[in-house]
Amino acid sequence: MYKRLKEIKVPTLMLGAKYDTMDPKYMEWMASQAQNGRSITTNGSHLSQFDDPETFFPAVIRFIKDVDDGEFN
């Protein structure tokens, strides 16, 4: 399944958290496998939008703006 990550062409944001069940380093690796991937790691847990909104929301907004501005090819 993870071998197919390289097939993802659209901008892709992998959101992870320090205290979530998936290792943040693995999330970073997954983002590196997508053609236009980006990884954000918050200091929260499974609900990082509530645990760490200071990191979560600016990162999501930056990603959306970058996509809208054509920062991803």
PDB file of N, CA and C in Angstrom:
ATOM      1  N   MET A   1       0.818  -1.182   0.000  1.00  0.00           N
ATOM      2  CA  MET A   1       0.000   0.000   0.000  1.00  0.00           C
ATOM      3  C   MET A   1       0.869   1.256   0.000  1.00  0.00           C
ATOM      4  N   TYR A   2       1.890   1.336   0.853  1.00  0.00           N
ATOM      5  CA  TYR A   2       2.714   2.535   0.937  1.00  0.00           C
ATOM      6  C   TYR A   2       3.590   2.728  -0.291  1.00  0.00           C
ATOM      7  N   LYS A   3       3.792   1.689  -1.051  1.00  0.00           N
ATOM      8  CA  LYS A   3       4.551   1.820  -2.292  1.00  0.00           C
ATOM      9  C   LYS A   3       3.829   2.720  -3.281  1.00  0.00           C
ATOM     10  N   ARG A   4       2.546   2.872  -3.142  1.00  0.00           N
ATOM     11  CA  ARG A   4       1.746   3.661  -4.086  1.00  0.00           C
ATOM     12  C   ARG A   4       1.712   5.149  -3.722  1.00  0.00           C
ATOM     13  N   LEU A   5       2.310   5.536  -2.607  1.00  0.00           N
ATOM     14  CA  LEU A   5       2.331   6.953  -2.235  1.00  0.00           C
ATOM     15  C   LEU A   5       2.973   7.799  -3.327  1.00  0.00           C
ATOM     16  N   LYS A   6       3.955   7.262  -4.019  1.00  0.00           N
ATOM     17  CA  LYS A   6       4.642   7.998  -5.085  1.00  0.00           C
ATOM     18  C   LYS A   6       3.711   8.343  -6.247  1.00  0.00           C
ATOM     19  N   GLU A   7       2.572   7.674  -6.324  1.00  0.00           N
ATOM     20  CA  GLU A   7       1.604   7.938  -7.386  1.00  0.00           C
ATOM     21  C   GLU A   7       0.748   9.174  -7.104  1.00  0.00           C
ATOM     22  N   ILE A   8       0.751   9.654  -5.884  1.00  0.00           N
ATOM     23  CA  ILE A   8      -0.065  10.821  -5.523  1.00  0.00           C
ATOM     24  C   ILE A   8       0.589  12.065  -6.099  1.00  0.00           C
ATOM     25  N   LYS A   9      -0.110  12.733  -6.999  1.00  0.00           N
ATOM     26  CA  LYS A   9       0.423  13.921  -7.669  1.00  0.00           C
ATOM     27  C   LYS A   9      -0.114  15.220  -7.091  1.00  0.00           C
ATOM     28  N   VAL A  10      -1.295  15.178  -6.515  1.00  0.00           N
ATOM     29  CA  VAL A  10      -1.905  16.402  -5.985  1.00  0.00           C
ATOM     30  C   VAL A  10      -1.201  16.813  -4.693  1.00  0.00           C
ATOM     31  N   PRO A  11      -1.183  18.105  -4.367  1.00  0.00           N
ATOM     32  CA  PRO A  11      -0.606  18.533  -3.096  1.00  0.00           C
ATOM     33  C   PRO A  11      -1.270  17.797  -1.940  1.00  0.00           C
ATOM     34  N   THR A  12      -0.443  17.283  -1.061  1.00  0.00           N
ATOM     35  CA  THR A  12      -0.923  16.422   0.016  1.00  0.00           C
ATOM     36  C   THR A  12      -0.317  16.866   1.335  1.00  0.00           C
ATOM     37  N   LEU A  13      -1.162  17.068   2.328  1.00  0.00           N
ATOM     38  CA  LEU A  13      -0.701  17.468   3.654  1.00  0.00           C
ATOM     39  C   LEU A  13      -0.919  16.313   4.612  1.00  0.00           C
ATOM     40  N   MET A  14       0.162  15.867   5.225  1.00  0.00           N
ATOM     41  CA  MET A  14       0.088  14.824   6.250  1.00  0.00           C
ATOM     42  C   MET A  14       0.143  15.527   7.600  1.00  0.00           C
ATOM     43  N   LEU A  15      -0.913  15.392   8.369  1.00  0.00           N
ATOM     44  CA  LEU A  15      -0.981  16.017   9.681  1.00  0.00           C
ATOM     45  C   LEU A  15      -0.735  14.978  10.759  1.00  0.00           C
ATOM     46  N   GLY A  16       0.268  15.215  11.563  1.00  0.00           N
ATOM     47  CA  GLY A  16       0.583  14.306  12.653  1.00  0.00           C
ATOM     48  C   GLY A  16       0.743  15.078  13.949  1.00  0.00           C
ATOM     49  N   ALA A  17       0.860  14.349  15.029  1.00  0.00           N
ATOM     50  CA  ALA A  17       1.009  14.984  16.329  1.00  0.00           C
ATOM     51  C   ALA A  17       1.982  14.179  17.183  1.00  0.00           C
ATOM     52  N   LYS A  18       2.680  14.895  18.015  1.00  0.00           N
ATOM     53  CA  LYS A  18       3.706  14.298  18.872  1.00  0.00           C
ATOM     54  C   LYS A  18       3.158  13.152  19.714  1.00  0.00           C
ATOM     55  N   TYR A  19       1.928  13.288  20.201  1.00  0.00           N
ATOM     56  CA  TYR A  19       1.361  12.293  21.107  1.00  0.00           C
ATOM     57  C   TYR A  19       0.247  11.469  20.465  1.00  0.00           C
ATOM     58  N   ASP A  20       0.230  11.396  19.147  1.00  0.00           N
ATOM     59  CA  ASP A  20      -0.765  10.580  18.449  1.00  0.00           C
ATOM     60  C   ASP A  20      -0.223   9.160  18.318  1.00  0.00           C
ATOM     61  N   THR A  21      -1.018   8.274  17.766  1.00  0.00           N
ATOM     62  CA  THR A  21      -0.613   6.872  17.677  1.00  0.00           C
ATOM     63  C   THR A  21       0.406   6.608  16.572  1.00  0.00           C
ATOM     64  N   MET A  22       0.446   7.425  15.532  1.00  0.00           N
ATOM     65  CA  MET A  22       1.412   7.215  14.455  1.00  0.00           C
ATOM     66  C   MET A  22       2.656   8.056  14.715  1.00  0.00           C
ATOM     67  N   ASP A  23       3.803   7.446  14.543  1.00  0.00           N
ATOM     68  CA  ASP A  23       5.081   8.111  14.747  1.00  0.00           C
ATOM     69  C   ASP A  23       5.216   9.306  13.801  1.00  0.00           C
ATOM     70  N   PRO A  24       5.485  10.506  14.323  1.00  0.00           N
ATOM     71  CA  PRO A  24       5.626  11.681  13.460  1.00  0.00           C
ATOM     72  C   PRO A  24       6.716  11.521  12.392  1.00  0.00           C
ATOM     73  N   LYS A  25       7.775  10.812  12.697  1.00  0.00           N
ATOM     74  CA  LYS A  25       8.828  10.589  11.695  1.00  0.00           C
ATOM     75  C   LYS A  25       8.291   9.766  10.526  1.00  0.00           C
ATOM     76  N   TYR A  26       7.401   8.852  10.805  1.00  0.00           N
ATOM     77  CA  TYR A  26       6.798   8.051   9.741  1.00  0.00           C
ATOM     78  C   TYR A  26       5.869   8.917   8.884  1.00  0.00           C
ATOM     79  N   MET A  27       5.156   9.842   9.530  1.00  0.00           N
ATOM     80  CA  MET A  27       4.299  10.764   8.781  1.00  0.00           C
ATOM     81  C   MET A  27       5.152  11.630   7.855  1.00  0.00           C
ATOM     82  N   GLU A  28       6.289  12.089   8.347  1.00  0.00           N
ATOM     83  CA  GLU A  28       7.205  12.880   7.516  1.00  0.00           C
ATOM     84  C   GLU A  28       7.684  12.056   6.328  1.00  0.00           C
ATOM     85  N   TRP A  29       8.009  10.805   6.573  1.00  0.00           N
ATOM     86  CA  TRP A  29       8.446   9.931   5.486  1.00  0.00           C
ATOM     87  C   TRP A  29       7.330   9.773   4.456  1.00  0.00           C
ATOM     88  N   MET A  30       6.109   9.552   4.924  1.00  0.00           N
ATOM     89  CA  MET A  30       4.984   9.392   4.003  1.00  0.00           C
ATOM     90  C   MET A  30       4.834  10.638   3.128  1.00  0.00           C
ATOM     91  N   ALA A  31       4.951  11.818   3.727  1.00  0.00           N
ATOM     92  CA  ALA A  31       4.840  13.062   2.961  1.00  0.00           C
ATOM     93  C   ALA A  31       5.949  13.158   1.928  1.00  0.00           C
ATOM     94  N   SER A  32       7.125  12.667   2.259  1.00  0.00           N
ATOM     95  CA  SER A  32       8.247  12.729   1.309  1.00  0.00           C
ATOM     96  C   SER A  32       8.045  11.791   0.131  1.00  0.00           C
ATOM     97  N   GLN A  33       7.184  10.807   0.288  1.00  0.00           N
ATOM     98  CA  GLN A  33       6.939   9.854  -0.788  1.00  0.00           C
ATOM     99  C   GLN A  33       5.935  10.378  -1.807  1.00  0.00           C
ATOM    100  N   ALA A  34       5.003  11.223  -1.375  1.00  0.00           N
ATOM    101  CA  ALA A  34       4.054  11.830  -2.309  1.00  0.00           C
ATOM    102  C   ALA A  34       4.803  12.871  -3.138  1.00  0.00           C
ATOM    103  N   GLN A  35       4.410  13.055  -4.376  1.00  0.00           N
ATOM    104  CA  GLN A  35       5.124  13.961  -5.275  1.00  0.00           C
ATOM    105  C   GLN A  35       5.096  15.405  -4.799  1.00  0.00           C
ATOM    106  N   ASN A  36       4.038  15.811  -4.154  1.00  0.00           N
ATOM    107  CA  ASN A  36       3.892  17.172  -3.636  1.00  0.00           C
ATOM    108  C   ASN A  36       3.423  17.118  -2.191  1.00  0.00           C
ATOM    109  N   GLY A  37       4.169  16.372  -1.375  1.00  0.00           N
ATOM    110  CA  GLY A  37       3.760  16.161   0.007  1.00  0.00           C
ATOM    111  C   GLY A  37       4.396  17.139   0.973  1.00  0.00           C
ATOM    112  N   ARG A  38       3.692  17.371   2.033  1.00  0.00           N
ATOM    113  CA  ARG A  38       4.186  18.201   3.131  1.00  0.00           C
ATOM    114  C   ARG A  38       3.705  17.570   4.423  1.00  0.00           C
ATOM    115  N   SER A  39       4.531  17.643   5.448  1.00  0.00           N
ATOM    116  CA  SER A  39       4.178  17.080   6.743  1.00  0.00           C
ATOM    117  C   SER A  39       4.217  18.165   7.812  1.00  0.00           C
ATOM    118  N   ILE A  40       3.234  18.150   8.658  1.00  0.00           N
ATOM    119  CA  ILE A  40       3.167  19.057   9.797  1.00  0.00           C
ATOM    120  C   ILE A  40       3.012  18.196  11.047  1.00  0.00           C
ATOM    121  N   THR A  41       3.835  18.467  12.043  1.00  0.00           N
ATOM    122  CA  THR A  41       3.731  17.763  13.318  1.00  0.00           C
ATOM    123  C   THR A  41       3.414  18.782  14.402  1.00  0.00           C
ATOM    124  N   THR A  42       2.316  18.570  15.072  1.00  0.00           N
ATOM    125  CA  THR A  42       1.921  19.465  16.157  1.00  0.00           C
ATOM    126  C   THR A  42       2.375  18.888  17.494  1.00  0.00           C
ATOM    127  N   ASN A  43       2.198  19.663  18.528  1.00  0.00           N
ATOM    128  CA  ASN A  43       2.575  19.218  19.867  1.00  0.00           C
ATOM    129  C   ASN A  43       1.370  18.628  20.595  1.00  0.00           C
ATOM    130  N   GLY A  44       0.375  18.209  19.843  1.00  0.00           N
ATOM    131  CA  GLY A  44      -0.848  17.696  20.436  1.00  0.00           C
ATOM    132  C   GLY A  44      -0.943  16.191  20.362  1.00  0.00           C
ATOM    133  N   SER A  45      -2.188  15.737  20.299  1.00  0.00           N
ATOM    134  CA  SER A  45      -2.475  14.308  20.169  1.00  0.00           C
ATOM    135  C   SER A  45      -3.449  14.119  19.017  1.00  0.00           C
ATOM    136  N   HIS A  46      -4.370  13.201  19.138  1.00  0.00           N
ATOM    137  CA  HIS A  46      -5.262  12.873  18.033  1.00  0.00           C
ATOM    138  C   HIS A  46      -6.124  14.062  17.592  1.00  0.00           C
ATOM    139  N   LEU A  47      -6.450  14.936  18.495  1.00  0.00           N
ATOM    140  CA  LEU A  47      -7.262  16.115  18.163  1.00  0.00           C
ATOM    141  C   LEU A  47      -6.398  17.364  18.247  1.00  0.00           C
ATOM    142  N   SER A  48      -5.351  17.385  17.447  1.00  0.00           N
ATOM    143  CA  SER A  48      -4.369  18.464  17.560  1.00  0.00           C
ATOM    144  C   SER A  48      -4.938  19.830  17.212  1.00  0.00           C
ATOM    145  N   GLN A  49      -6.043  19.881  16.468  1.00  0.00           N
ATOM    146  CA  GLN A  49      -6.650  21.172  16.193  1.00  0.00           C
ATOM    147  C   GLN A  49      -7.153  21.823  17.484  1.00  0.00           C
ATOM    148  N   PHE A  50      -7.407  21.011  18.510  1.00  0.00           N
ATOM    149  CA  PHE A  50      -7.803  21.538  19.818  1.00  0.00           C
ATOM    150  C   PHE A  50      -6.608  21.593  20.779  1.00  0.00           C
ATOM    151  N   ASP A  51      -5.726  20.584  20.695  1.00  0.00           N
ATOM    152  CA  ASP A  51      -4.565  20.504  21.592  1.00  0.00           C
ATOM    153  C   ASP A  51      -3.510  21.561  21.283  1.00  0.00           C
ATOM    154  N   ASP A  52      -3.298  21.839  20.007  1.00  0.00           N
ATOM    155  CA  ASP A  52      -2.234  22.752  19.588  1.00  0.00           C
ATOM    156  C   ASP A  52      -2.702  23.607  18.408  1.00  0.00           C
ATOM    157  N   PRO A  53      -3.743  24.414  18.618  1.00  0.00           N
ATOM    158  CA  PRO A  53      -4.265  25.209  17.512  1.00  0.00           C
ATOM    159  C   PRO A  53      -3.269  26.240  16.987  1.00  0.00           C
ATOM    160  N   GLU A  54      -2.326  26.666  17.825  1.00  0.00           N
ATOM    161  CA  GLU A  54      -1.333  27.658  17.406  1.00  0.00           C
ATOM    162  C   GLU A  54      -0.417  27.118  16.307  1.00  0.00           C
ATOM    163  N   THR A  55      -0.227  25.821  16.256  1.00  0.00           N
ATOM    164  CA  THR A  55       0.567  25.192  15.199  1.00  0.00           C
ATOM    165  C   THR A  55      -0.328  24.686  14.081  1.00  0.00           C
ATOM    166  N   PHE A  56      -1.409  24.033  14.453  1.00  0.00           N
ATOM    167  CA  PHE A  56      -2.285  23.364  13.497  1.00  0.00           C
ATOM    168  C   PHE A  56      -2.865  24.324  12.460  1.00  0.00           C
ATOM    169  N   PHE A  57      -3.564  25.352  12.898  1.00  0.00           N
ATOM    170  CA  PHE A  57      -4.286  26.207  11.956  1.00  0.00           C
ATOM    171  C   PHE A  57      -3.377  27.035  11.055  1.00  0.00           C
ATOM    172  N   PRO A  58      -2.316  27.647  11.563  1.00  0.00           N
ATOM    173  CA  PRO A  58      -1.423  28.352  10.634  1.00  0.00           C
ATOM    174  C   PRO A  58      -0.801  27.419   9.587  1.00  0.00           C
ATOM    175  N   ALA A  59      -0.498  26.186   9.974  1.00  0.00           N
ATOM    176  CA  ALA A  59       0.082  25.242   9.021  1.00  0.00           C
ATOM    177  C   ALA A  59      -0.913  24.863   7.936  1.00  0.00           C
ATOM    178  N   VAL A  60      -2.147  24.620   8.318  1.00  0.00           N
ATOM    179  CA  VAL A  60      -3.188  24.275   7.340  1.00  0.00           C
ATOM    180  C   VAL A  60      -3.461  25.472   6.423  1.00  0.00           C
ATOM    181  N   ILE A  61      -3.555  26.648   6.998  1.00  0.00           N
ATOM    182  CA  ILE A  61      -3.793  27.847   6.194  1.00  0.00           C
ATOM    183  C   ILE A  61      -2.639  28.090   5.222  1.00  0.00           C
ATOM    184  N   ARG A  62      -1.400  27.932   5.680  1.00  0.00           N
ATOM    185  CA  ARG A  62      -0.227  28.118   4.813  1.00  0.00           C
ATOM    186  C   ARG A  62      -0.264  27.121   3.659  1.00  0.00           C
ATOM    187  N   PHE A  63      -0.614  25.873   3.952  1.00  0.00           N
ATOM    188  CA  PHE A  63      -0.698  24.843   2.921  1.00  0.00           C
ATOM    189  C   PHE A  63      -1.741  25.225   1.866  1.00  0.00           C
ATOM    190  N   ILE A  64      -2.920  25.639   2.320  1.00  0.00           N
ATOM    191  CA  ILE A  64      -3.986  26.021   1.389  1.00  0.00           C
ATOM    192  C   ILE A  64      -3.543  27.205   0.536  1.00  0.00           C
ATOM    193  N   LYS A  65      -2.930  28.197   1.158  1.00  0.00           N
ATOM    194  CA  LYS A  65      -2.465  29.361   0.407  1.00  0.00           C
ATOM    195  C   LYS A  65      -1.388  28.973  -0.604  1.00  0.00           C
ATOM    196  N   ASP A  66      -0.468  28.096  -0.202  1.00  0.00           N
ATOM    197  CA  ASP A  66       0.572  27.651  -1.129  1.00  0.00           C
ATOM    198  C   ASP A  66      -0.025  26.926  -2.328  1.00  0.00           C
ATOM    199  N   VAL A  67      -1.017  26.092  -2.082  1.00  0.00           N
ATOM    200  CA  VAL A  67      -1.686  25.393  -3.186  1.00  0.00           C
ATOM    201  C   VAL A  67      -2.386  26.413  -4.079  1.00  0.00           C
ATOM    202  N   ASP A  68      -3.091  27.328  -3.459  1.00  0.00           N
ATOM    203  CA  ASP A  68      -3.826  28.352  -4.221  1.00  0.00           C
ATOM    204  C   ASP A  68      -2.878  29.238  -5.040  1.00  0.00           C
ATOM    205  N   ASP A  69      -1.691  29.520  -4.491  1.00  0.00           N
ATOM    206  CA  ASP A  69      -0.697  30.354  -5.184  1.00  0.00           C
ATOM    207  C   ASP A  69       0.142  29.575  -6.192  1.00  0.00           C
ATOM    208  N   GLY A  70      -0.120  28.278  -6.328  1.00  0.00           N
ATOM    209  CA  GLY A  70       0.623  27.467  -7.287  1.00  0.00           C
ATOM    210  C   GLY A  70       2.009  27.075  -6.825  1.00  0.00           C
ATOM    211  N   GLU A  71       2.242  27.052  -5.524  1.00  0.00           N
ATOM    212  CA  GLU A  71       3.556  26.698  -4.987  1.00  0.00           C
ATOM    213  C   GLU A  71       3.874  25.224  -5.185  1.00  0.00           C
ATOM    214  N   PHE A  72       2.876  24.443  -5.513  1.00  0.00           N
ATOM    215  CA  PHE A  72       3.070  23.030  -5.818  1.00  0.00           C
ATOM    216  C   PHE A  72       2.842  22.834  -7.306  1.00  0.00           C
ATOM    217  N   ASN A  73       3.625  22.010  -7.937  1.00  0.00           N
ATOM    218  CA  ASN A  73       3.448  21.726  -9.368  1.00  0.00           C
ATOM    219  C   ASN A  73       2.868  20.343  -9.562  1.00  0.00           C
TER     220      ASN A  73
END
